[in-house]
Amino acid sequence: MATPFNVEISVPEAPADAQARAATALNDAARAIGLRLTKRAQGELTYRPTVQFPFLLMLYHNLNGERMRIKFGSGESGGSRVTITGAVARSRHPLASDPEHWTEALGGSAS
């Protein structure tokens, strides 16, 4: 089973601006934990396992429940609060649950 994680980050931009920047800035960070951007919605980004060969390996990651959702909301003192929740393989959990892994890409600070 995938191991769940939850990280909260504060960024200085408005939620819409933070989401637009995060869609490109988090590509490498998400790829490092085996995920890719699959859906963009208002105030939310959804990530799923990367497409890889053999196909059965990708199917295993999907069935295992590996995914990530990033939500963008208004911060208490201006800016945005970014909430990253998801589940990844146990071997990638330390990296996914490390706030510095995400703040490096977003340029924010851990909440």
N, C-alpha and C. Protein backbone atom coordinates (compact mmCIF):
# COMPACT_ATOMS: atom_id res chain seq x y z
N MET A 1 0.83 -1.18 0.00
CA MET A 1 0.00 0.00 0.00
C MET A 1 0.87 1.25 0.00
N ALA A 2 0.31 2.28 -0.60
CA ALA A 2 1.01 3.57 -0.63
C ALA A 2 0.96 4.21 0.76
N THR A 3 2.00 4.95 1.08
CA THR A 3 2.11 5.62 2.37
C THR A 3 1.66 7.07 2.24
N PRO A 4 0.66 7.51 3.03
CA PRO A 4 0.14 8.88 2.90
C PRO A 4 1.09 9.94 3.47
N PHE A 5 0.98 11.14 2.93
CA PHE A 5 1.74 12.28 3.43
C PHE A 5 0.90 13.54 3.31
N ASN A 6 1.27 14.56 4.09
CA ASN A 6 0.55 15.83 4.10
C ASN A 6 1.55 16.94 4.42
N VAL A 7 1.63 17.96 3.56
CA VAL A 7 2.56 19.07 3.75
C VAL A 7 1.80 20.37 3.50
N GLU A 8 2.03 21.37 4.34
CA GLU A 8 1.44 22.69 4.13
C GLU A 8 2.55 23.72 3.97
N ILE A 9 2.36 24.60 2.98
CA ILE A 9 3.36 25.61 2.63
C ILE A 9 2.66 26.95 2.46
N SER A 10 3.32 28.02 2.84
CA SER A 10 2.82 29.37 2.61
C SER A 10 3.66 30.02 1.50
N VAL A 11 2.99 30.64 0.55
CA VAL A 11 3.67 31.35 -0.53
C VAL A 11 3.12 32.77 -0.59
N PRO A 12 3.93 33.73 -1.05
CA PRO A 12 3.51 35.14 -1.03
C PRO A 12 2.49 35.53 -2.11
N GLU A 13 2.31 34.74 -3.16
CA GLU A 13 1.40 35.11 -4.24
C GLU A 13 -0.06 34.79 -3.90
N ALA A 14 -0.95 35.37 -4.70
CA ALA A 14 -2.38 35.05 -4.60
C ALA A 14 -2.58 33.60 -5.04
N PRO A 15 -3.66 32.95 -4.60
CA PRO A 15 -3.86 31.54 -4.94
C PRO A 15 -3.83 31.23 -6.44
N ALA A 16 -4.45 32.06 -7.26
CA ALA A 16 -4.47 31.81 -8.70
C ALA A 16 -3.06 31.91 -9.30
N ASP A 17 -2.30 32.90 -8.86
CA ASP A 17 -0.93 33.07 -9.34
C ASP A 17 -0.04 31.92 -8.87
N ALA A 18 -0.22 31.51 -7.62
CA ALA A 18 0.57 30.41 -7.07
C ALA A 18 0.29 29.12 -7.82
N GLN A 19 -0.97 28.89 -8.17
CA GLN A 19 -1.33 27.68 -8.90
C GLN A 19 -0.73 27.68 -10.30
N ALA A 20 -0.79 28.82 -10.97
CA ALA A 20 -0.22 28.92 -12.32
C ALA A 20 1.28 28.66 -12.31
N ARG A 21 1.97 29.19 -11.32
CA ARG A 21 3.42 28.98 -11.23
C ARG A 21 3.74 27.55 -10.81
N ALA A 22 2.95 27.00 -9.90
CA ALA A 22 3.22 25.65 -9.39
C ALA A 22 3.05 24.59 -10.46
N ALA A 23 2.15 24.82 -11.41
CA ALA A 23 1.92 23.83 -12.46
C ALA A 23 3.20 23.51 -13.23
N THR A 24 4.06 24.48 -13.40
CA THR A 24 5.33 24.23 -14.09
C THR A 24 6.49 24.03 -13.12
N ALA A 25 6.47 24.75 -12.00
CA ALA A 25 7.59 24.68 -11.06
C ALA A 25 7.69 23.34 -10.35
N LEU A 26 6.59 22.62 -10.22
CA LEU A 26 6.61 21.36 -9.48
C LEU A 26 6.82 20.12 -10.35
N ASN A 27 7.06 20.31 -11.64
CA ASN A 27 7.27 19.16 -12.53
C ASN A 27 8.40 18.25 -12.04
N ASP A 28 9.55 18.83 -11.77
CA ASP A 28 10.70 18.02 -11.34
C ASP A 28 10.50 17.43 -9.95
N ALA A 29 9.91 18.20 -9.05
CA ALA A 29 9.69 17.72 -7.69
C ALA A 29 8.70 16.54 -7.69
N ALA A 30 7.67 16.63 -8.50
CA ALA A 30 6.69 15.54 -8.59
C ALA A 30 7.29 14.32 -9.28
N ARG A 31 8.07 14.56 -10.30
CA ARG A 31 8.70 13.45 -11.02
C ARG A 31 9.67 12.68 -10.11
N ALA A 32 10.29 13.39 -9.18
CA ALA A 32 11.22 12.74 -8.24
C ALA A 32 10.51 11.73 -7.34
N ILE A 33 9.22 11.90 -7.13
CA ILE A 33 8.47 10.93 -6.33
C ILE A 33 7.59 10.04 -7.21
N GLY A 34 7.79 10.09 -8.53
CA GLY A 34 7.12 9.19 -9.45
C GLY A 34 5.75 9.62 -9.91
N LEU A 35 5.46 10.93 -9.87
CA LEU A 35 4.14 11.42 -10.26
C LEU A 35 4.24 12.47 -11.35
N ARG A 36 3.13 12.68 -12.05
CA ARG A 36 3.06 13.70 -13.10
C ARG A 36 1.71 14.40 -13.02
N LEU A 37 1.66 15.64 -13.49
CA LEU A 37 0.42 16.42 -13.48
C LEU A 37 -0.56 15.83 -14.48
N THR A 38 -1.78 15.54 -14.02
CA THR A 38 -2.79 14.96 -14.91
C THR A 38 -4.04 15.82 -15.03
N LYS A 39 -4.30 16.68 -14.05
CA LYS A 39 -5.53 17.46 -14.09
C LYS A 39 -5.34 18.80 -13.39
N ARG A 40 -5.88 19.84 -14.03
CA ARG A 40 -5.89 21.18 -13.44
C ARG A 40 -7.34 21.59 -13.25
N ALA A 41 -7.66 22.05 -12.06
CA ALA A 41 -9.00 22.55 -11.77
C ALA A 41 -8.84 23.86 -11.00
N GLN A 42 -9.95 24.54 -10.77
CA GLN A 42 -9.91 25.80 -10.02
C GLN A 42 -9.40 25.55 -8.61
N GLY A 43 -8.23 26.08 -8.28
CA GLY A 43 -7.66 25.95 -6.95
C GLY A 43 -7.07 24.60 -6.62
N GLU A 44 -6.81 23.76 -7.63
CA GLU A 44 -6.35 22.40 -7.36
C GLU A 44 -5.57 21.81 -8.54
N LEU A 45 -4.52 21.07 -8.23
CA LEU A 45 -3.76 20.30 -9.21
C LEU A 45 -3.77 18.84 -8.76
N THR A 46 -3.92 17.92 -9.72
CA THR A 46 -3.95 16.49 -9.40
C THR A 46 -2.81 15.79 -10.13
N TYR A 47 -2.11 14.93 -9.40
CA TYR A 47 -0.97 14.19 -9.95
C TYR A 47 -1.22 12.69 -9.82
N ARG A 48 -0.76 11.94 -10.82
CA ARG A 48 -0.87 10.47 -10.84
C ARG A 48 0.48 9.88 -11.24
N PRO A 49 0.65 8.57 -11.14
CA PRO A 49 1.93 7.95 -11.52
C PRO A 49 2.33 8.24 -12.96
N THR A 50 3.63 8.33 -13.18
CA THR A 50 4.15 8.61 -14.52
C THR A 50 3.92 7.42 -15.43
N VAL A 51 3.80 7.69 -16.72
CA VAL A 51 3.66 6.64 -17.72
C VAL A 51 5.03 6.00 -17.89
N GLN A 52 5.08 4.70 -17.79
CA GLN A 52 6.37 4.02 -17.89
C GLN A 52 6.20 2.63 -18.48
N PHE A 53 7.30 2.07 -18.90
CA PHE A 53 7.33 0.72 -19.44
C PHE A 53 8.01 -0.18 -18.42
N PRO A 54 7.59 -1.30 -18.13
CA PRO A 54 6.41 -1.99 -18.64
C PRO A 54 5.11 -1.43 -18.06
N PHE A 55 4.07 -1.56 -18.84
CA PHE A 55 2.77 -1.01 -18.47
C PHE A 55 2.27 -1.59 -17.15
N LEU A 56 2.57 -2.85 -16.87
CA LEU A 56 2.11 -3.47 -15.63
C LEU A 56 2.67 -2.76 -14.40
N LEU A 57 3.86 -2.21 -14.51
CA LEU A 57 4.45 -1.47 -13.38
C LEU A 57 3.65 -0.20 -13.11
N MET A 58 3.25 0.50 -14.16
CA MET A 58 2.43 1.70 -14.00
C MET A 58 1.06 1.32 -13.43
N LEU A 59 0.51 0.22 -13.90
CA LEU A 59 -0.78 -0.24 -13.38
C LEU A 59 -0.68 -0.57 -11.89
N TYR A 60 0.42 -1.17 -11.48
CA TYR A 60 0.64 -1.48 -10.06
C TYR A 60 0.63 -0.19 -9.22
N HIS A 61 1.33 0.84 -9.68
CA HIS A 61 1.38 2.10 -8.94
C HIS A 61 -0.01 2.74 -8.84
N ASN A 62 -0.79 2.65 -9.91
CA ASN A 62 -2.16 3.19 -9.88
C ASN A 62 -3.04 2.41 -8.91
N LEU A 63 -2.97 1.09 -8.98
CA LEU A 63 -3.78 0.26 -8.09
C LEU A 63 -3.34 0.37 -6.63
N ASN A 64 -2.08 0.69 -6.43
CA ASN A 64 -1.53 0.86 -5.09
C ASN A 64 -2.04 2.15 -4.43
N GLY A 65 -2.61 3.04 -5.22
CA GLY A 65 -3.18 4.27 -4.67
C GLY A 65 -2.21 5.44 -4.63
N GLU A 66 -1.17 5.41 -5.45
CA GLU A 66 -0.20 6.50 -5.48
C GLU A 66 -0.78 7.67 -6.27
N ARG A 67 -0.93 8.80 -5.59
CA ARG A 67 -1.43 10.02 -6.22
C ARG A 67 -1.18 11.19 -5.29
N MET A 68 -1.41 12.40 -5.82
CA MET A 68 -1.17 13.60 -5.01
C MET A 68 -2.14 14.68 -5.47
N ARG A 69 -2.61 15.46 -4.51
CA ARG A 69 -3.50 16.59 -4.79
C ARG A 69 -2.93 17.81 -4.10
N ILE A 70 -2.86 18.91 -4.84
CA ILE A 70 -2.37 20.17 -4.30
C ILE A 70 -3.51 21.17 -4.35
N LYS A 71 -3.85 21.73 -3.19
CA LYS A 71 -4.93 22.71 -3.10
C LYS A 71 -4.35 24.08 -2.74
N PHE A 72 -4.90 25.11 -3.34
CA PHE A 72 -4.45 26.47 -3.15
C PHE A 72 -5.58 27.28 -2.51
N GLY A 73 -5.29 27.87 -1.35
CA GLY A 73 -6.28 28.69 -0.65
C GLY A 73 -5.65 29.98 -0.16
N SER A 74 -6.49 30.87 0.29
CA SER A 74 -6.00 32.16 0.81
C SER A 74 -5.30 31.95 2.14
N GLY A 75 -4.18 32.65 2.30
CA GLY A 75 -3.43 32.60 3.55
C GLY A 75 -4.00 33.55 4.58
N GLU A 76 -3.61 33.37 5.83
CA GLU A 76 -4.12 34.22 6.90
C GLU A 76 -3.58 35.64 6.82
N SER A 77 -2.34 35.80 6.46
CA SER A 77 -1.74 37.14 6.39
C SER A 77 -1.39 37.49 4.94
N GLY A 78 -2.34 37.28 4.04
CA GLY A 78 -2.09 37.52 2.62
C GLY A 78 -1.37 36.33 2.02
N GLY A 79 -1.19 36.34 0.74
CA GLY A 79 -0.53 35.23 0.08
C GLY A 79 -1.44 34.02 0.00
N SER A 80 -0.83 32.85 -0.10
CA SER A 80 -1.59 31.62 -0.27
C SER A 80 -1.11 30.53 0.67
N ARG A 81 -2.00 29.66 1.01
CA ARG A 81 -1.66 28.44 1.74
C ARG A 81 -1.80 27.29 0.74
N VAL A 82 -0.73 26.55 0.56
CA VAL A 82 -0.69 25.42 -0.37
C VAL A 82 -0.69 24.14 0.47
N THR A 83 -1.68 23.29 0.25
CA THR A 83 -1.78 22.03 0.96
C THR A 83 -1.52 20.89 -0.01
N ILE A 84 -0.50 20.10 0.28
CA ILE A 84 -0.11 18.98 -0.58
C ILE A 84 -0.43 17.70 0.18
N THR A 85 -1.36 16.91 -0.35
CA THR A 85 -1.72 15.63 0.27
C THR A 85 -1.62 14.55 -0.78
N GLY A 86 -1.33 13.35 -0.33
CA GLY A 86 -1.25 12.25 -1.27
C GLY A 86 -0.70 11.00 -0.62
N ALA A 87 -0.36 10.06 -1.47
CA ALA A 87 0.23 8.80 -1.03
C ALA A 87 1.21 8.35 -2.10
N VAL A 88 2.36 7.88 -1.65
CA VAL A 88 3.41 7.41 -2.57
C VAL A 88 3.99 6.09 -2.05
N ALA A 89 4.84 5.49 -2.85
CA ALA A 89 5.50 4.26 -2.44
C ALA A 89 6.34 4.53 -1.19
N ARG A 90 6.48 3.53 -0.37
CA ARG A 90 7.19 3.68 0.90
C ARG A 90 8.61 4.20 0.70
N SER A 91 9.27 3.80 -0.37
CA SER A 91 10.64 4.25 -0.62
C SER A 91 10.72 5.74 -0.95
N ARG A 92 9.64 6.32 -1.45
CA ARG A 92 9.63 7.74 -1.83
C ARG A 92 8.96 8.62 -0.78
N HIS A 93 8.45 8.03 0.27
CA HIS A 93 7.74 8.78 1.31
C HIS A 93 8.61 9.82 2.02
N PRO A 94 9.87 9.51 2.40
CA PRO A 94 10.67 10.55 3.07
C PRO A 94 10.83 11.81 2.23
N LEU A 95 11.00 11.66 0.93
CA LEU A 95 11.14 12.83 0.05
C LEU A 95 9.81 13.56 -0.09
N ALA A 96 8.72 12.84 -0.26
CA ALA A 96 7.41 13.46 -0.45
C ALA A 96 6.95 14.21 0.79
N SER A 97 7.26 13.71 1.97
CA SER A 97 6.80 14.35 3.20
C SER A 97 7.75 15.43 3.72
N ASP A 98 8.84 15.68 3.00
CA ASP A 98 9.81 16.70 3.38
C ASP A 98 9.35 18.07 2.86
N PRO A 99 8.99 19.02 3.73
CA PRO A 99 8.53 20.34 3.27
C PRO A 99 9.56 21.07 2.41
N GLU A 100 10.85 20.87 2.69
CA GLU A 100 11.88 21.55 1.91
C GLU A 100 11.90 21.11 0.45
N HIS A 101 11.50 19.87 0.19
CA HIS A 101 11.42 19.38 -1.19
C HIS A 101 10.45 20.23 -2.00
N TRP A 102 9.36 20.64 -1.38
CA TRP A 102 8.33 21.42 -2.07
C TRP A 102 8.60 22.92 -2.02
N THR A 103 9.13 23.42 -0.89
CA THR A 103 9.39 24.85 -0.79
C THR A 103 10.50 25.29 -1.72
N GLU A 104 11.43 24.40 -2.00
CA GLU A 104 12.51 24.69 -2.94
C GLU A 104 11.94 25.05 -4.30
N ALA A 105 10.95 24.28 -4.75
CA ALA A 105 10.35 24.51 -6.06
C ALA A 105 9.38 25.69 -6.07
N LEU A 106 8.63 25.87 -4.99
CA LEU A 106 7.62 26.92 -4.93
C LEU A 106 8.15 28.26 -4.41
N GLY A 107 9.27 28.23 -3.70
CA GLY A 107 9.82 29.47 -3.15
C GLY A 107 9.01 29.99 -1.98
N GLY A 108 8.39 29.10 -1.23
CA GLY A 108 7.61 29.51 -0.07
C GLY A 108 8.29 29.08 1.22
N SER A 109 7.47 29.00 2.27
CA SER A 109 7.99 28.54 3.56
C SER A 109 7.01 27.53 4.14
N ALA A 110 7.54 26.60 4.92
CA ALA A 110 6.70 25.56 5.52
C ALA A 110 5.81 26.18 6.58
N SER A 111 4.57 25.72 6.63
CA SER A 111 3.61 26.23 7.63
C SER A 111 3.60 25.35 8.85
